[in-house]
């Protein structure tokens, strides 16, 4: 007797072995052969209730990885569940096609091929081909995961109509007064040669050169061997120093060390003395904020003098010396102090991240020629610009102490290298225009947050977010339809932006890079324009987050 024949077991047509590797492709083939998704959509198209998923698209620059796979399948669970509840659930997948990652990869390929003469149009065509290649690859990979969607009609940010709508939205922002051009410090990625927004910056530990430097004080009788002691972890910014900040409510000490007179904040004196190895310190006298503010000093290696200004909102007595070296072109605190006191936004660094003279100061007041061309970006842990500045400080006997300092520092999200703060002309969106920040903060209260700690996180981000830098010095993106006159003054007009949108909807955004300034102006000049024709078109592109 066969005992299994005596058991009352359920009967099934399913095989005992799953065989997923063979059966999953067969099942997917059956779904598409029978048009399962189309039939579901037809059945639910007239449902009384709809469920719409606004899907943040993947980037078209490689194969699907575990993160994009998880993202897409979790969303597919929700969409299928809502469909099974009888709702109308249209899902249009899409791809983010513009931006730095694709251009970065294309430029790497161009360098390997030694294509040094590639035009902006050449780069853009290669970027589009690269993006479309991975759109096709990822589409098949998502379908292999069983994700349902309108795969034959996805939205692509490189489509002409999509680009045109992006510019029409931008024109509305221009028309409402949100967009302005200004010179202020922005995050600058040296390898990528572009400005970065706050969201494109990652923080990581970095070992910097920590230096204590002597700034000679100028008294009414001339220099009397008295020095301010400043501390910085970016020696390469010292050529851009235009001021020193102090705290008006701190007490400072003038001390004699080895025959020289140094001024340091009183509570920090013991720490500074220990760090710098000072012994036999003789306290001469104390100085209050008013007395400190009356001082002037001479730059340690450039023949120019400068003043001290109160910087109570950022000068601290927890680290450093109680003095902060101020370079208005290399930091936001420095920038605001410089603007408040009429200092130029001086940034003697070029697009390649190398020292250079600028038009902001007379050449005689700028760095010595020996520093020109020195690169800031570290190679094998050493910055050529830092080393050159340190050597100059040693020659001038201005370097009090030097040591390595590990701290959290902003890095480029793409190149993974430290960014620099670089004062330069960029396009910005004014976050506080017409009370927009407060409107956004109020809207947060109208949202149900899951998990609830997300509310505090987004509130903090919105409260502290600076004006949005929306211009990129890259080629693969939607152009900013701005022009410049013969004096370099910008021209950004909502009517011009809308006409450019119409042009791009017809020809694609490559037209901006393929046609010269005169030809573009003939196409987008407002009908009632009475001013001069521009001398130059903008070559910047919009931040892809627009």
Protein backbone atom coordinates (compact mmCIF):
# COMPACT_ATOMS: atom_id res chain seq x y z
CA UNK A 1 0.00 0.00 0.00
CA UNK A 2 1.20 3.48 -0.85
CA UNK A 3 0.44 5.54 2.24
CA UNK A 4 0.40 8.81 0.34
CA UNK A 5 -2.69 7.57 -1.46
CA UNK A 6 -4.46 7.38 1.89
CA UNK A 7 -3.89 11.06 2.75
CA UNK A 8 -6.43 13.72 1.86
CA UNK A 9 -4.02 16.29 0.35
CA UNK A 10 -5.05 19.38 -1.69
CA UNK A 11 -4.51 19.03 -5.42
CA UNK A 12 -2.63 21.76 -7.29
CA UNK A 13 -1.29 22.39 -10.74
CA UNK A 14 1.67 24.31 -9.35
CA UNK A 15 4.97 22.49 -9.59
CA UNK A 16 6.62 21.42 -6.35
CA UNK A 17 9.79 23.32 -7.32
CA UNK A 18 9.54 27.08 -7.76
CA UNK A 19 12.16 27.37 -10.51
CA UNK A 20 12.02 31.17 -10.37
CA UNK A 21 14.98 31.69 -12.64
CA UNK A 22 13.12 29.95 -15.48
CA UNK A 23 9.51 30.78 -14.58
CA UNK A 24 9.73 34.52 -13.79
CA UNK A 25 10.74 35.49 -17.36
CA UNK A 26 8.02 33.20 -18.70
CA UNK A 27 5.39 34.84 -16.47
CA UNK A 28 6.53 38.35 -17.43
CA UNK A 29 6.44 37.40 -21.12
CA UNK A 30 2.90 36.17 -20.63
CA UNK A 31 1.87 39.43 -18.89
CA UNK A 32 3.11 41.56 -21.78
CA UNK A 33 1.82 39.18 -24.46
CA UNK A 34 -1.65 39.36 -22.96
CA UNK A 35 -1.44 43.12 -22.34
CA UNK A 36 -2.28 42.71 -18.66
CA UNK A 37 -1.30 46.30 -17.75
CA UNK A 38 -3.28 47.80 -20.63
CA UNK A 39 -6.34 45.74 -19.73
CA UNK A 40 -6.11 46.82 -16.08
CA UNK A 41 -5.80 50.46 -17.10
CA UNK A 42 -8.81 50.18 -19.44
CA UNK A 43 -10.90 48.57 -16.71
CA UNK A 44 -10.07 51.21 -14.09
CA UNK A 45 -9.83 54.33 -16.28
CA UNK A 46 -13.34 55.49 -15.36
CA UNK A 47 -13.10 54.69 -11.65
CA UNK A 48 -14.61 57.33 -9.37
CA UNK A 49 -11.42 57.60 -7.31
CA UNK A 50 -7.86 58.08 -8.56
CA UNK A 51 -4.49 57.50 -6.93
CA UNK A 52 -1.59 59.52 -8.35
CA UNK A 53 2.04 58.83 -7.49
CA UNK A 54 4.42 61.72 -8.19
CA UNK A 55 7.48 59.61 -8.84
CA UNK A 56 10.92 61.10 -8.37
CA UNK A 57 12.77 59.67 -11.40
CA UNK A 58 16.04 57.71 -11.41
CA UNK A 59 19.09 59.20 -13.07
CA UNK A 60 19.93 57.79 -16.51
CA UNK A 61 23.62 57.17 -15.97
CA UNK A 62 24.07 53.45 -15.30
CA UNK A 63 22.44 50.12 -14.58
CA UNK A 64 19.74 49.79 -11.96
CA UNK A 65 21.36 49.27 -8.55
CA UNK A 66 19.92 47.98 -5.29
CA UNK A 67 18.74 51.46 -4.28
CA UNK A 68 16.80 52.18 -7.48
CA UNK A 69 15.45 48.62 -7.54
CA UNK A 70 14.15 48.90 -3.98
CA UNK A 71 12.69 52.35 -4.67
CA UNK A 72 10.83 51.19 -7.77
CA UNK A 73 9.51 47.91 -6.36
CA UNK A 74 8.22 49.52 -3.15
CA UNK A 75 6.31 52.07 -5.22
CA UNK A 76 5.01 49.27 -7.44
CA UNK A 77 3.63 47.50 -4.34
CA UNK A 78 1.64 50.62 -3.47
CA UNK A 79 0.40 51.16 -7.03
CA UNK A 80 -0.75 47.56 -7.43
CA UNK A 81 -2.44 47.65 -4.01
CA UNK A 82 -4.35 50.82 -4.91
CA UNK A 83 -5.30 49.29 -8.27
CA UNK A 84 -6.67 46.21 -6.50
CA UNK A 85 -8.86 48.53 -4.46
CA UNK A 86 -10.56 49.56 -7.67
CA UNK A 87 -8.95 52.97 -8.14
CA UNK A 88 -7.74 54.63 -11.33
CA UNK A 89 -3.94 54.43 -10.97
CA UNK A 90 -2.12 55.87 -13.98
CA UNK A 91 1.64 55.53 -13.58
CA UNK A 92 3.95 57.33 -16.00
CA UNK A 93 7.60 56.46 -15.27
CA UNK A 94 10.31 58.96 -16.08
CA UNK A 95 14.04 59.64 -16.11
CA UNK A 96 16.20 62.51 -14.95
CA UNK A 97 18.45 63.02 -17.97
CA UNK A 98 20.42 66.26 -17.46
CA UNK A 99 23.15 67.11 -15.02
CA UNK A 100 26.71 66.68 -13.93
CA UNK A 101 27.03 62.86 -13.57
CA UNK A 102 26.36 62.26 -17.27
CA UNK A 103 28.52 65.15 -18.47
CA UNK A 104 31.28 64.10 -16.07
CA UNK A 105 31.33 60.59 -17.61
CA UNK A 106 31.20 61.90 -21.18
CA UNK A 107 34.10 64.28 -20.52
CA UNK A 108 36.12 61.39 -19.09
CA UNK A 109 35.51 59.47 -22.33
CA UNK A 110 36.48 62.53 -24.39
CA UNK A 111 39.76 62.85 -22.47
CA UNK A 112 40.53 59.18 -23.10
CA UNK A 113 39.87 59.76 -26.79
CA UNK A 114 41.99 62.97 -26.63
CA UNK A 115 39.09 65.03 -27.99
CA UNK A 116 40.25 68.46 -26.93
CA UNK A 117 38.32 70.36 -29.61
CA UNK A 118 34.80 69.22 -28.66
CA UNK A 119 32.25 72.04 -28.83
CA UNK A 120 29.35 72.51 -26.43
CA UNK A 121 27.06 71.03 -29.09
CA UNK A 122 29.35 67.98 -29.44
CA UNK A 123 29.32 67.42 -25.68
CA UNK A 124 25.55 67.76 -25.49
CA UNK A 125 24.94 65.26 -28.30
CA UNK A 126 27.22 62.74 -26.61
CA UNK A 127 25.43 63.32 -23.29
CA UNK A 128 22.03 62.74 -24.88
CA UNK A 129 23.19 59.51 -26.50
CA UNK A 130 24.60 58.36 -23.16
CA UNK A 131 21.35 59.16 -21.34
CA UNK A 132 19.14 57.45 -23.93
CA UNK A 133 21.33 54.34 -23.81
CA UNK A 134 20.73 53.92 -20.09
CA UNK A 135 17.05 54.84 -20.33
CA UNK A 136 16.60 51.79 -22.57
CA UNK A 137 18.72 49.60 -20.30
CA UNK A 138 16.94 50.65 -17.12
CA UNK A 139 13.49 50.35 -18.74
CA UNK A 140 14.10 46.65 -19.46
CA UNK A 141 15.55 46.11 -15.99
CA UNK A 142 12.49 47.66 -14.29
CA UNK A 143 10.17 45.59 -16.48
CA UNK A 144 12.17 42.50 -15.49
CA UNK A 145 11.40 43.37 -11.85
CA UNK A 146 7.69 43.18 -12.71
CA UNK A 147 7.03 46.91 -12.34
CA UNK A 148 3.89 48.02 -14.21
CA UNK A 149 3.78 51.39 -15.95
CA UNK A 150 3.38 53.20 -19.25
CA UNK A 151 6.87 52.21 -20.35
CA UNK A 152 6.30 53.16 -24.00
CA UNK A 153 5.51 56.77 -23.12
CA UNK A 154 7.78 57.84 -20.25
CA UNK A 155 8.55 61.44 -19.41
CA UNK A 156 12.13 62.46 -20.09
CA UNK A 157 13.64 65.72 -18.85
CA UNK A 158 15.54 66.01 -22.14
CA UNK A 159 12.36 66.08 -24.24
CA UNK A 160 11.82 69.38 -26.05
CA UNK A 161 8.38 69.94 -24.55
CA UNK A 162 9.62 69.19 -21.04
CA UNK A 163 12.52 71.65 -21.43
CA UNK A 164 10.15 74.30 -22.78
CA UNK A 165 7.79 73.91 -19.81
CA UNK A 166 10.76 74.16 -17.45
CA UNK A 167 11.68 77.51 -18.98
CA UNK A 168 8.08 78.75 -18.83
CA UNK A 169 8.10 78.01 -15.11
CA UNK A 170 11.43 79.84 -14.87
CA UNK A 171 9.91 82.81 -16.73
CA UNK A 172 7.18 83.02 -14.07
CA UNK A 173 9.86 83.19 -11.36
CA UNK A 174 11.69 85.92 -13.28
CA UNK A 175 8.49 87.88 -13.81
CA UNK A 176 7.61 87.71 -10.11
CA UNK A 177 11.02 89.07 -9.09
CA UNK A 178 12.48 85.94 -7.49
CA UNK A 179 15.56 85.67 -9.73
CA UNK A 180 18.60 87.91 -9.39
CA UNK A 181 22.27 87.90 -10.32
CA UNK A 182 24.77 88.63 -7.60
CA UNK A 183 28.35 88.12 -6.55
CA UNK A 184 28.66 86.09 -3.39
CA UNK A 185 30.57 83.03 -2.19
CA UNK A 186 29.22 79.76 -3.53
CA UNK A 187 30.36 76.17 -3.23
CA UNK A 188 32.73 75.51 -6.12
CA UNK A 189 33.79 72.04 -7.27
CA UNK A 190 37.25 72.33 -8.81
CA UNK A 191 37.28 69.01 -10.73
CA UNK A 192 33.74 69.60 -12.04
CA UNK A 193 34.38 73.32 -12.70
CA UNK A 194 30.96 74.40 -11.52
CA UNK A 195 29.06 76.01 -8.67
CA UNK A 196 27.07 73.67 -6.42
CA UNK A 197 23.88 74.12 -4.47
CA UNK A 198 23.60 73.27 -0.78
CA UNK A 199 21.92 69.95 -1.62
CA UNK A 200 24.89 68.92 -3.80
CA UNK A 201 27.37 69.12 -0.93
CA UNK A 202 28.29 66.24 1.37
CA UNK A 203 30.22 66.55 4.63
CA UNK A 204 33.13 64.26 5.43
CA UNK A 205 36.18 64.31 7.70
CA UNK A 206 39.13 66.15 6.22
CA UNK A 207 42.66 66.86 7.46
CA UNK A 208 43.46 70.56 7.02
CA UNK A 209 46.55 72.65 7.67
CA UNK A 210 45.87 74.52 10.92
CA UNK A 211 48.02 77.64 11.23
CA UNK A 212 48.49 80.49 13.70
CA UNK A 213 49.67 83.60 11.87
CA UNK A 214 51.05 87.00 12.99
CA UNK A 215 49.38 90.12 11.56
CA UNK A 216 51.52 93.20 12.38
CA UNK A 217 49.58 95.96 14.17
CA UNK A 218 50.03 99.54 12.98
CA UNK A 219 49.94 102.15 15.71
CA UNK A 220 50.04 105.92 15.40
CA UNK A 221 53.78 105.72 15.85
CA UNK A 222 54.10 102.93 13.27
CA UNK A 223 54.68 99.24 13.83
CA UNK A 224 55.87 98.49 17.38
CA UNK A 225 56.39 94.71 17.17
CA UNK A 226 52.78 94.05 18.21
CA UNK A 227 50.85 91.39 16.31
CA UNK A 228 47.31 90.07 16.14
CA UNK A 229 47.30 86.26 16.19
CA UNK A 230 44.76 84.70 13.85
CA UNK A 231 43.99 81.02 13.35
CA UNK A 232 42.79 79.44 10.10
CA UNK A 233 42.47 75.97 8.58
CA UNK A 234 42.59 77.35 5.03
CA UNK A 235 45.97 79.06 4.57
CA UNK A 236 45.24 79.42 0.84
CA UNK A 237 42.60 82.07 1.66
CA UNK A 238 45.16 84.41 3.26
CA UNK A 239 45.99 86.24 -0.03
CA UNK A 240 42.31 87.29 -0.07
CA UNK A 241 42.35 88.70 3.47
CA UNK A 242 40.84 92.20 3.62
CA UNK A 243 39.93 92.52 7.31
CA UNK A 244 40.05 90.91 10.74
CA UNK A 245 36.94 90.35 12.84
CA UNK A 246 36.80 90.55 16.63
CA UNK A 247 34.08 90.34 19.29
CA UNK A 248 33.11 93.67 20.79
CA UNK A 249 32.27 92.16 24.20
CA UNK A 250 35.38 90.03 24.61
CA UNK A 251 38.43 91.05 26.60
CA UNK A 252 41.78 90.68 24.85
CA UNK A 253 45.26 90.36 26.33
CA UNK A 254 48.47 91.84 25.02
CA UNK A 255 51.33 89.56 26.04
CA UNK A 256 55.09 89.54 25.53
CA UNK A 257 56.59 86.30 24.23
CA UNK A 258 60.29 86.07 23.33
CA UNK A 259 60.51 89.81 22.86
CA UNK A 260 57.41 90.11 20.65
CA UNK A 261 53.97 91.42 21.60
CA UNK A 262 50.91 89.32 20.73
CA UNK A 263 47.18 90.06 21.17
CA UNK A 264 44.84 87.12 21.90
CA UNK A 265 41.37 86.78 23.46
CA UNK A 266 41.80 86.45 27.24
CA UNK A 267 40.08 83.10 27.89
CA UNK A 268 41.79 81.50 24.88
CA UNK A 269 45.27 82.65 25.87
CA UNK A 270 46.20 79.50 27.89
CA UNK A 271 45.12 77.18 25.06
CA UNK A 272 46.90 79.22 22.38
CA UNK A 273 50.06 79.42 24.50
CA UNK A 274 50.09 75.65 25.01
CA UNK A 275 49.42 74.91 21.33
CA UNK A 276 52.09 77.32 20.10
CA UNK A 277 54.62 76.29 22.76
CA UNK A 278 54.91 79.72 24.36
CA UNK A 279 56.81 79.91 27.65
CA UNK A 280 57.60 82.72 30.08
CA UNK A 281 54.57 84.74 28.98
CA UNK A 282 54.42 88.27 30.32
CA UNK A 283 51.00 89.94 30.37
CA UNK A 284 51.32 93.59 29.37
CA UNK A 285 47.72 94.82 29.63
CA UNK A 286 44.12 94.11 28.66
CA UNK A 287 42.17 95.64 25.78
CA UNK A 288 38.41 95.97 25.44
CA UNK A 289 36.39 95.80 22.24
CA UNK A 290 36.52 99.55 21.63
CA UNK A 291 40.31 99.57 21.84
CA UNK A 292 40.60 96.56 19.54
CA UNK A 293 38.28 98.17 16.99
CA UNK A 294 40.54 101.20 16.75
CA UNK A 295 43.51 99.11 15.57
CA UNK A 296 44.76 98.63 12.04
CA UNK A 297 47.14 95.99 10.75
CA UNK A 298 49.39 95.16 7.83
CA UNK A 299 48.92 92.01 5.75
CA UNK A 300 51.65 89.49 6.63
CA UNK A 301 53.03 89.18 3.08
CA UNK A 302 51.19 91.72 0.87
CA UNK A 303 51.86 95.46 1.00
CA UNK A 304 48.40 96.61 2.13
CA UNK A 305 46.81 97.65 5.39
CA UNK A 306 43.34 96.89 6.73
CA UNK A 307 41.00 97.45 9.65
CA UNK A 308 39.33 95.38 12.33
CA UNK A 309 35.52 95.08 12.44
CA UNK A 310 33.16 93.68 15.04
CA UNK A 311 31.86 90.24 14.05
CA UNK A 312 29.93 89.34 17.18
CA UNK A 313 27.60 86.93 15.36
CA UNK A 314 30.40 84.55 14.33
CA UNK A 315 33.55 85.32 16.37
CA UNK A 316 33.76 82.80 19.23
CA UNK A 317 36.04 82.13 22.18
CA UNK A 318 35.74 78.33 22.14
CA UNK A 319 38.44 77.75 19.50
CA UNK A 320 41.01 79.87 17.70
CA UNK A 321 42.35 83.15 19.07
CA UNK A 322 39.30 85.43 19.29
CA UNK A 323 40.20 86.95 15.92
CA UNK A 324 38.91 85.75 12.54
CA UNK A 325 40.71 86.49 9.31
CA UNK A 326 38.12 87.86 6.87
CA UNK A 327 38.16 87.12 3.13
CA UNK A 328 34.80 88.36 1.74
CA UNK A 329 35.10 86.17 -1.36
CA UNK A 330 35.64 82.95 0.58
CA UNK A 331 32.88 82.56 3.15
CA UNK A 332 29.36 83.73 3.97
CA UNK A 333 30.23 85.32 7.34
CA UNK A 334 33.13 87.08 5.63
CA UNK A 335 30.84 88.13 2.78
CA UNK A 336 28.21 89.69 5.05
CA UNK A 337 30.84 91.53 7.10
CA UNK A 338 32.48 92.75 3.90
CA UNK A 339 29.18 94.00 2.45
CA UNK A 340 28.35 95.80 5.70
CA UNK A 341 31.67 97.64 5.60
CA UNK A 342 32.08 98.33 1.89
CA UNK A 343 34.80 95.75 1.20
CA UNK A 344 35.15 94.25 -2.30
CA UNK A 345 34.06 90.62 -2.74
CA UNK A 346 37.62 89.71 -3.63
CA UNK A 347 38.33 86.14 -4.75
CA UNK A 348 41.72 85.67 -6.44
CA UNK A 349 40.95 82.13 -7.65
CA UNK A 350 40.11 81.11 -11.23
CA UNK A 351 37.76 78.42 -12.57
CA UNK A 352 40.53 75.81 -12.34
CA UNK A 353 40.98 76.48 -8.63
CA UNK A 354 44.32 78.28 -9.09
CA UNK A 355 45.55 81.61 -7.73
CA UNK A 356 45.00 84.53 -10.12
CA UNK A 357 44.89 88.32 -10.06
CA UNK A 358 41.49 90.02 -10.48
CA UNK A 359 40.14 93.47 -11.31
CA UNK A 360 38.85 94.02 -7.75
CA UNK A 361 42.12 95.50 -6.41
CA UNK A 362 45.18 97.22 -7.89
CA UNK A 363 47.81 94.67 -8.86
CA UNK A 364 50.18 96.19 -6.29
CA UNK A 365 47.69 95.27 -3.55
CA UNK A 366 47.38 91.65 -4.64
CA UNK A 367 49.41 88.51 -4.08
CA UNK A 368 53.04 88.29 -5.25
CA UNK A 369 53.64 86.81 -8.69
CA UNK A 370 55.26 83.73 -7.14
CA UNK A 371 51.82 82.54 -5.96
CA UNK A 372 50.04 82.88 -9.31
CA UNK A 373 48.93 79.59 -10.84
CA UNK A 374 49.30 77.58 -7.64
CA UNK A 375 46.56 74.93 -7.39
CA UNK A 376 44.33 74.72 -4.32
CA UNK A 377 43.03 71.18 -4.86
CA UNK A 378 45.03 68.62 -2.93
CA UNK A 379 46.99 65.91 -4.71
CA UNK A 380 48.21 63.04 -2.55
CA UNK A 381 47.20 65.01 0.53
CA UNK A 382 49.10 68.18 -0.38
CA UNK A 383 47.76 71.49 -1.70
CA UNK A 384 50.25 73.39 -3.87
CA UNK A 385 48.59 76.70 -2.92
CA UNK A 386 48.70 75.93 0.80
CA UNK A 387 52.36 74.96 0.66
CA UNK A 388 53.27 78.12 -1.28
CA UNK A 389 51.47 80.35 1.25
CA UNK A 390 53.09 78.54 4.19
CA UNK A 391 56.52 78.97 2.65
CA UNK A 392 55.87 82.69 2.20
CA UNK A 393 54.75 82.99 5.83
CA UNK A 394 57.98 81.31 6.95
CA UNK A 395 60.06 83.69 4.82
CA UNK A 396 58.28 86.64 6.45
CA UNK A 397 58.63 85.09 9.94
CA UNK A 398 54.83 85.31 10.23
CA UNK A 399 54.06 81.62 10.89
CA UNK A 400 53.68 81.11 14.63
CA UNK A 401 52.56 77.47 14.59
CA UNK A 402 51.36 74.80 12.16
CA UNK A 403 49.68 71.43 12.75
CA UNK A 404 47.20 69.06 11.12
CA UNK A 405 43.55 69.51 12.07
CA UNK A 406 40.81 66.93 11.41
CA UNK A 407 37.31 68.32 11.02
CA UNK A 408 34.08 67.93 9.05
CA UNK A 409 34.38 69.71 5.72
CA UNK A 410 32.08 70.07 2.65
CA UNK A 411 32.84 67.85 -0.34
CA UNK A 412 31.47 67.71 -3.89
CA UNK A 413 28.82 65.00 -4.13
CA UNK A 414 30.14 63.88 -7.51
CA UNK A 415 33.94 64.17 -7.43
CA UNK A 416 34.15 63.49 -3.65
CA UNK A 417 36.81 66.20 -3.36
CA UNK A 418 36.77 69.17 -0.93
CA UNK A 419 34.90 72.17 -2.30
CA UNK A 420 36.02 75.76 -1.93
CA UNK A 421 33.96 78.85 -1.17
CA UNK A 422 34.42 81.11 -4.16
CA UNK A 423 32.96 84.58 -4.60
CA UNK A 424 31.62 84.89 -8.12
CA UNK A 425 28.67 86.12 -10.16
CA UNK A 426 25.85 83.59 -10.24
CA UNK A 427 22.07 83.49 -10.66
CA UNK A 428 20.05 83.04 -7.46
CA UNK A 429 16.45 82.60 -6.36
CA UNK A 430 15.58 84.87 -3.44
CA UNK A 431 14.01 82.56 -0.87
CA UNK A 432 12.61 85.45 1.19
CA UNK A 433 11.01 87.36 -1.72
CA UNK A 434 7.36 88.19 -1.04
CA UNK A 435 7.46 86.20 2.19
CA UNK A 436 8.04 82.91 0.37
CA UNK A 437 10.07 81.32 3.18
CA UNK A 438 7.33 82.06 5.73
CA UNK A 439 4.69 80.72 3.33
CA UNK A 440 6.67 77.49 2.97
CA UNK A 441 7.08 77.18 6.75
CA UNK A 442 3.35 77.69 7.25
CA UNK A 443 2.57 75.00 4.66
CA UNK A 444 4.60 72.47 6.65
CA UNK A 445 1.94 72.55 9.37
CA UNK A 446 -0.72 71.47 6.85
CA UNK A 447 1.09 68.20 6.06
CA UNK A 448 0.74 64.91 7.95
CA UNK A 449 4.34 63.70 8.47
CA UNK A 450 5.25 60.01 8.69
CA UNK A 451 7.43 59.56 10.69
CA UNK A 452 6.62 62.65 12.75
CA UNK A 453 10.28 63.64 13.24
CA UNK A 454 10.39 64.50 9.53
CA UNK A 455 8.49 67.70 10.28
CA UNK A 456 11.23 69.15 12.50
CA UNK A 457 13.86 68.15 9.97
CA UNK A 458 12.21 69.92 7.04
CA UNK A 459 11.43 72.96 9.20
CA UNK A 460 15.08 73.31 10.11
CA UNK A 461 16.11 73.00 6.46
CA UNK A 462 13.62 75.63 5.26
CA UNK A 463 14.47 78.05 8.08
CA UNK A 464 18.22 77.94 7.42
CA UNK A 465 18.31 77.53 3.65
CA UNK A 466 20.23 80.37 1.92
CA UNK A 467 19.22 81.84 -1.42
CA UNK A 468 19.27 79.10 -4.05
CA UNK A 469 22.19 79.23 -6.49
CA UNK A 470 20.54 78.01 -9.71
CA UNK A 471 23.29 78.58 -12.30
CA UNK A 472 25.77 75.90 -13.31
CA UNK A 473 28.92 76.34 -15.36
CA UNK A 474 28.18 73.15 -17.26
CA UNK A 475 27.00 72.26 -20.76
CA UNK A 476 24.50 69.39 -20.30
CA UNK A 477 21.36 71.04 -19.05
CA UNK A 478 18.63 73.53 -19.88
CA UNK A 479 20.24 76.90 -20.74
CA UNK A 480 19.57 80.05 -18.74
CA UNK A 481 18.21 82.38 -21.48
CA UNK A 482 20.14 85.44 -20.39
CA UNK A 483 22.24 87.89 -22.38
CA UNK A 484 24.93 90.44 -21.48
CA UNK A 485 25.57 93.90 -22.87
CA UNK A 486 28.93 95.30 -23.89
CA UNK A 487 29.69 96.25 -20.27
CA UNK A 488 28.89 92.77 -18.99
CA UNK A 489 25.59 93.78 -17.40
CA UNK A 490 23.07 90.91 -17.39
CA UNK A 491 19.79 90.96 -19.26
CA UNK A 492 17.14 88.50 -18.04
CA UNK A 493 13.57 89.23 -19.10
CA UNK A 494 10.52 86.98 -18.72
CA UNK A 495 9.45 87.76 -22.31
CA UNK A 496 12.83 86.60 -23.61
CA UNK A 497 12.66 83.44 -21.51
CA UNK A 498 9.18 82.59 -22.87
CA UNK A 499 10.26 83.18 -26.47
CA UNK A 500 13.28 80.95 -25.84
CA UNK A 501 10.91 78.29 -24.48
CA UNK A 502 8.94 78.42 -27.74
CA UNK A 503 12.17 78.13 -29.73
CA UNK A 504 13.34 75.15 -27.67
CA UNK A 505 9.96 73.41 -27.93
CA UNK A 506 10.45 73.52 -31.69
CA UNK A 507 14.18 72.77 -31.98
CA UNK A 508 15.34 71.41 -28.61
CA UNK A 509 17.73 73.10 -26.18
CA UNK A 510 20.75 72.40 -28.39
CA UNK A 511 19.66 75.41 -30.44
CA UNK A 512 20.91 77.73 -27.70
CA UNK A 513 24.42 76.30 -27.99
CA UNK A 514 24.49 75.86 -31.77
CA UNK A 515 23.43 79.40 -32.75
CA UNK A 516 25.46 82.53 -32.12
CA UNK A 517 24.28 85.49 -30.04
CA UNK A 518 22.96 87.52 -33.00
CA UNK A 519 20.93 84.63 -34.40
CA UNK A 520 19.41 83.81 -31.02
CA UNK A 521 18.59 87.44 -30.31
CA UNK A 522 16.78 87.73 -33.64
CA UNK A 523 14.55 84.83 -32.58
CA UNK A 524 13.84 85.82 -28.96
CA UNK A 525 13.98 89.63 -28.93
CA UNK A 526 10.68 91.04 -27.57
CA UNK A 527 8.60 92.77 -30.24
CA UNK A 528 8.61 96.08 -28.36
CA UNK A 529 12.33 96.03 -27.51
CA UNK A 530 13.93 99.49 -27.79
CA UNK A 531 17.33 98.88 -26.20
CA UNK A 532 20.63 97.84 -27.75
CA UNK A 533 21.25 94.31 -28.92
CA UNK A 534 23.28 92.22 -26.45
CA UNK A 535 26.95 91.51 -26.99
CA UNK A 536 27.02 88.02 -25.53
CA UNK A 537 24.73 85.13 -24.60
CA UNK A 538 24.86 83.24 -21.32
CA UNK A 539 26.48 79.80 -21.36
CA UNK A 540 25.25 78.78 -17.90
CA UNK A 541 22.68 76.03 -17.42
CA UNK A 542 19.92 75.71 -14.83
CA UNK A 543 20.30 73.58 -11.74
CA UNK A 544 18.56 70.30 -12.60
CA UNK A 545 16.40 70.61 -9.45
CA UNK A 546 14.48 73.42 -11.20
